[in-house]
C-alpha atoms as a PDB file:
ATOM      1  CA  UNK A   1     117.246 118.300 109.216  1.00  0.00           C
ATOM      2  CA  UNK A   2     114.720 117.109 111.562  1.00  0.00           C
ATOM      3  CA  UNK A   3     110.931 117.273 111.385  1.00  0.00           C
ATOM      4  CA  UNK A   4     110.609 120.249 113.929  1.00  0.00           C
ATOM      5  CA  UNK A   5     112.789 122.382 112.144  1.00  0.00           C
ATOM      6  CA  UNK A   6     111.430 121.552 108.660  1.00  0.00           C
ATOM      7  CA  UNK A   7     107.884 122.467 109.876  1.00  0.00           C
ATOM      8  CA  UNK A   8     108.866 126.010 110.662  1.00  0.00           C
ATOM      9  CA  UNK A   9     109.980 126.815 107.173  1.00  0.00           C
ATOM     10  CA  UNK A  10     107.573 128.331 104.763  1.00  0.00           C
ATOM     11  CA  UNK A  11     106.341 125.773 101.978  1.00  0.00           C
ATOM     12  CA  UNK A  12     108.526 127.077  99.290  1.00  0.00           C
ATOM     13  CA  UNK A  13     111.606 126.532 101.263  1.00  0.00           C
ATOM     14  CA  UNK A  14     110.479 122.964 102.213  1.00  0.00           C
ATOM     15  CA  UNK A  15     109.949 122.291  98.627  1.00  0.00           C
ATOM     16  CA  UNK A  16     113.346 123.396  97.639  1.00  0.00           C
ATOM     17  CA  UNK A  17     115.131 121.509 100.402  1.00  0.00           C
ATOM     18  CA  UNK A  18     112.918 118.364  99.393  1.00  0.00           C
ATOM     19  CA  UNK A  19     114.099 118.568  95.780  1.00  0.00           C
ATOM     20  CA  UNK A  20     117.843 119.512  96.789  1.00  0.00           C
ATOM     21  CA  UNK A  21     118.534 117.269  99.753  1.00  0.00           C
ATOM     22  CA  UNK A  22     115.509 114.903  99.964  1.00  0.00           C
ATOM     23  CA  UNK A  23     115.558 111.165  98.691  1.00  0.00           C
ATOM     24  CA  UNK A  24     112.943 110.842  96.180  1.00  0.00           C
ATOM     25  CA  UNK A  25     111.230 107.379  96.873  1.00  0.00           C
ATOM     26  CA  UNK A  26     108.080 106.887  94.992  1.00  0.00           C
ATOM     27  CA  UNK A  27     105.295 108.834  93.253  1.00  0.00           C
ATOM     28  CA  UNK A  28     101.538 107.953  92.979  1.00  0.00           C
ATOM     29  CA  UNK A  29      98.151 109.168  92.118  1.00  0.00           C
ATOM     30  CA  UNK A  30      95.339 109.769  94.357  1.00  0.00           C
ATOM     31  CA  UNK A  31      91.980 111.262  92.809  1.00  0.00           C
ATOM     32  CA  UNK A  32      93.039 114.153  90.877  1.00  0.00           C
ATOM     33  CA  UNK A  33      96.268 114.568  92.575  1.00  0.00           C
ATOM     34  CA  UNK A  34     100.008 113.613  91.904  1.00  0.00           C
ATOM     35  CA  UNK A  35     101.933 112.708  95.050  1.00  0.00           C
ATOM     36  CA  UNK A  36     105.589 112.337  95.316  1.00  0.00           C
ATOM     37  CA  UNK A  37     107.231 110.925  98.540  1.00  0.00           C
ATOM     38  CA  UNK A  38     110.508 111.837  99.980  1.00  0.00           C
ATOM     39  CA  UNK A  39     112.665 110.849 102.972  1.00  0.00           C
ATOM     40  CA  UNK A  40     114.624 113.587 104.658  1.00  0.00           C
ATOM     41  CA  UNK A  41     116.246 113.459 108.145  1.00  0.00           C
ATOM     42  CA  UNK A  42     114.255 111.769 110.423  1.00  0.00           C
ATOM     43  CA  UNK A  43     110.863 112.025 108.508  1.00  0.00           C
ATOM     44  CA  UNK A  44     108.911 111.427 105.173  1.00  0.00           C
ATOM     45  CA  UNK A  45     107.284 114.228 103.234  1.00  0.00           C
ATOM     46  CA  UNK A  46     104.693 113.868 100.733  1.00  0.00           C
ATOM     47  CA  UNK A  47     104.271 116.602  98.003  1.00  0.00           C
ATOM     48  CA  UNK A  48     100.539 117.062  96.720  1.00  0.00           C
ATOM     49  CA  UNK A  49      99.906 118.656  93.471  1.00  0.00           C
ATOM     50  CA  UNK A  50      96.914 118.699  90.958  1.00  0.00           C
ATOM     51  CA  UNK A  51      97.809 116.385  88.170  1.00  0.00           C
ATOM     52  CA  UNK A  52      98.011 119.091  85.692  1.00  0.00           C
ATOM     53  CA  UNK A  53      99.527 121.591  87.636  1.00  0.00           C
ATOM     54  CA  UNK A  54     103.098 122.122  89.049  1.00  0.00           C
ATOM     55  CA  UNK A  55     101.885 124.290  92.065  1.00  0.00           C
ATOM     56  CA  UNK A  56     102.272 122.375  95.356  1.00  0.00           C
ATOM     57  CA  UNK A  57      98.964 122.182  97.182  1.00  0.00           C
ATOM     58  CA  UNK A  58     100.519 121.204 100.414  1.00  0.00           C
ATOM     59  CA  UNK A  59     103.358 119.016 102.035  1.00  0.00           C
ATOM     60  CA  UNK A  60     102.117 116.288 104.337  1.00  0.00           C
ATOM     61  CA  UNK A  61     104.851 115.313 106.848  1.00  0.00           C
ATOM     62  CA  UNK A  62     104.983 112.159 109.021  1.00  0.00           C
ATOM     63  CA  UNK A  63     107.425 109.809 110.643  1.00  0.00           C
ATOM     64  CA  UNK A  64     105.440 106.716 111.323  1.00  0.00           C
ATOM     65  CA  UNK A  65     106.070 103.845 108.743  1.00  0.00           C
ATOM     66  CA  UNK A  66     102.301 103.087 108.498  1.00  0.00           C
ATOM     67  CA  UNK A  67     102.195 106.224 106.306  1.00  0.00           C
ATOM     68  CA  UNK A  68     104.336 104.359 103.600  1.00  0.00           C
ATOM     69  CA  UNK A  69     101.698 101.577 103.135  1.00  0.00           C
ATOM     70  CA  UNK A  70     100.360 103.248  99.922  1.00  0.00           C
ATOM     71  CA  UNK A  71     103.718 103.379  98.499  1.00  0.00           C
ATOM     72  CA  UNK A  72     105.196 100.085  99.401  1.00  0.00           C
ATOM     73  CA  UNK A  73     105.267  98.556  96.005  1.00  0.00           C
ATOM     74  CA  UNK A  74     106.647 101.736  94.181  1.00  0.00           C
ATOM     75  CA  UNK A  75     109.377 102.809  96.539  1.00  0.00           C
ATOM     76  CA  UNK A  76     112.981 102.880  95.103  1.00  0.00           C
ATOM     77  CA  UNK A  77     115.491 102.838  97.700  1.00  0.00           C
ATOM     78  CA  UNK A  78     119.047 104.537  97.075  1.00  0.00           C
ATOM     79  CA  UNK A  79     121.630 102.054  96.089  1.00  0.00           C
ATOM     80  CA  UNK A  80     124.065 102.924  98.806  1.00  0.00           C
ATOM     81  CA  UNK A  81     121.671 101.692 101.508  1.00  0.00           C
END
């Protein structure tokens, strides 16, 4: 899946695709939010949730590696790479 196609999906479908087909890379906290980073196709997706809730506030999408800076120490790459 590419970024353009993914952006056109409703957020609920995006979340399902990330959990089913995305590669979970890392998790971190920022303020009162829990952020989970996934790689899927040609982009990265960052799920934002309140720390004490499961509901997704939004999904931030990006392709530029500079967006990974806050995660570098926590990223777990799949073993098959």
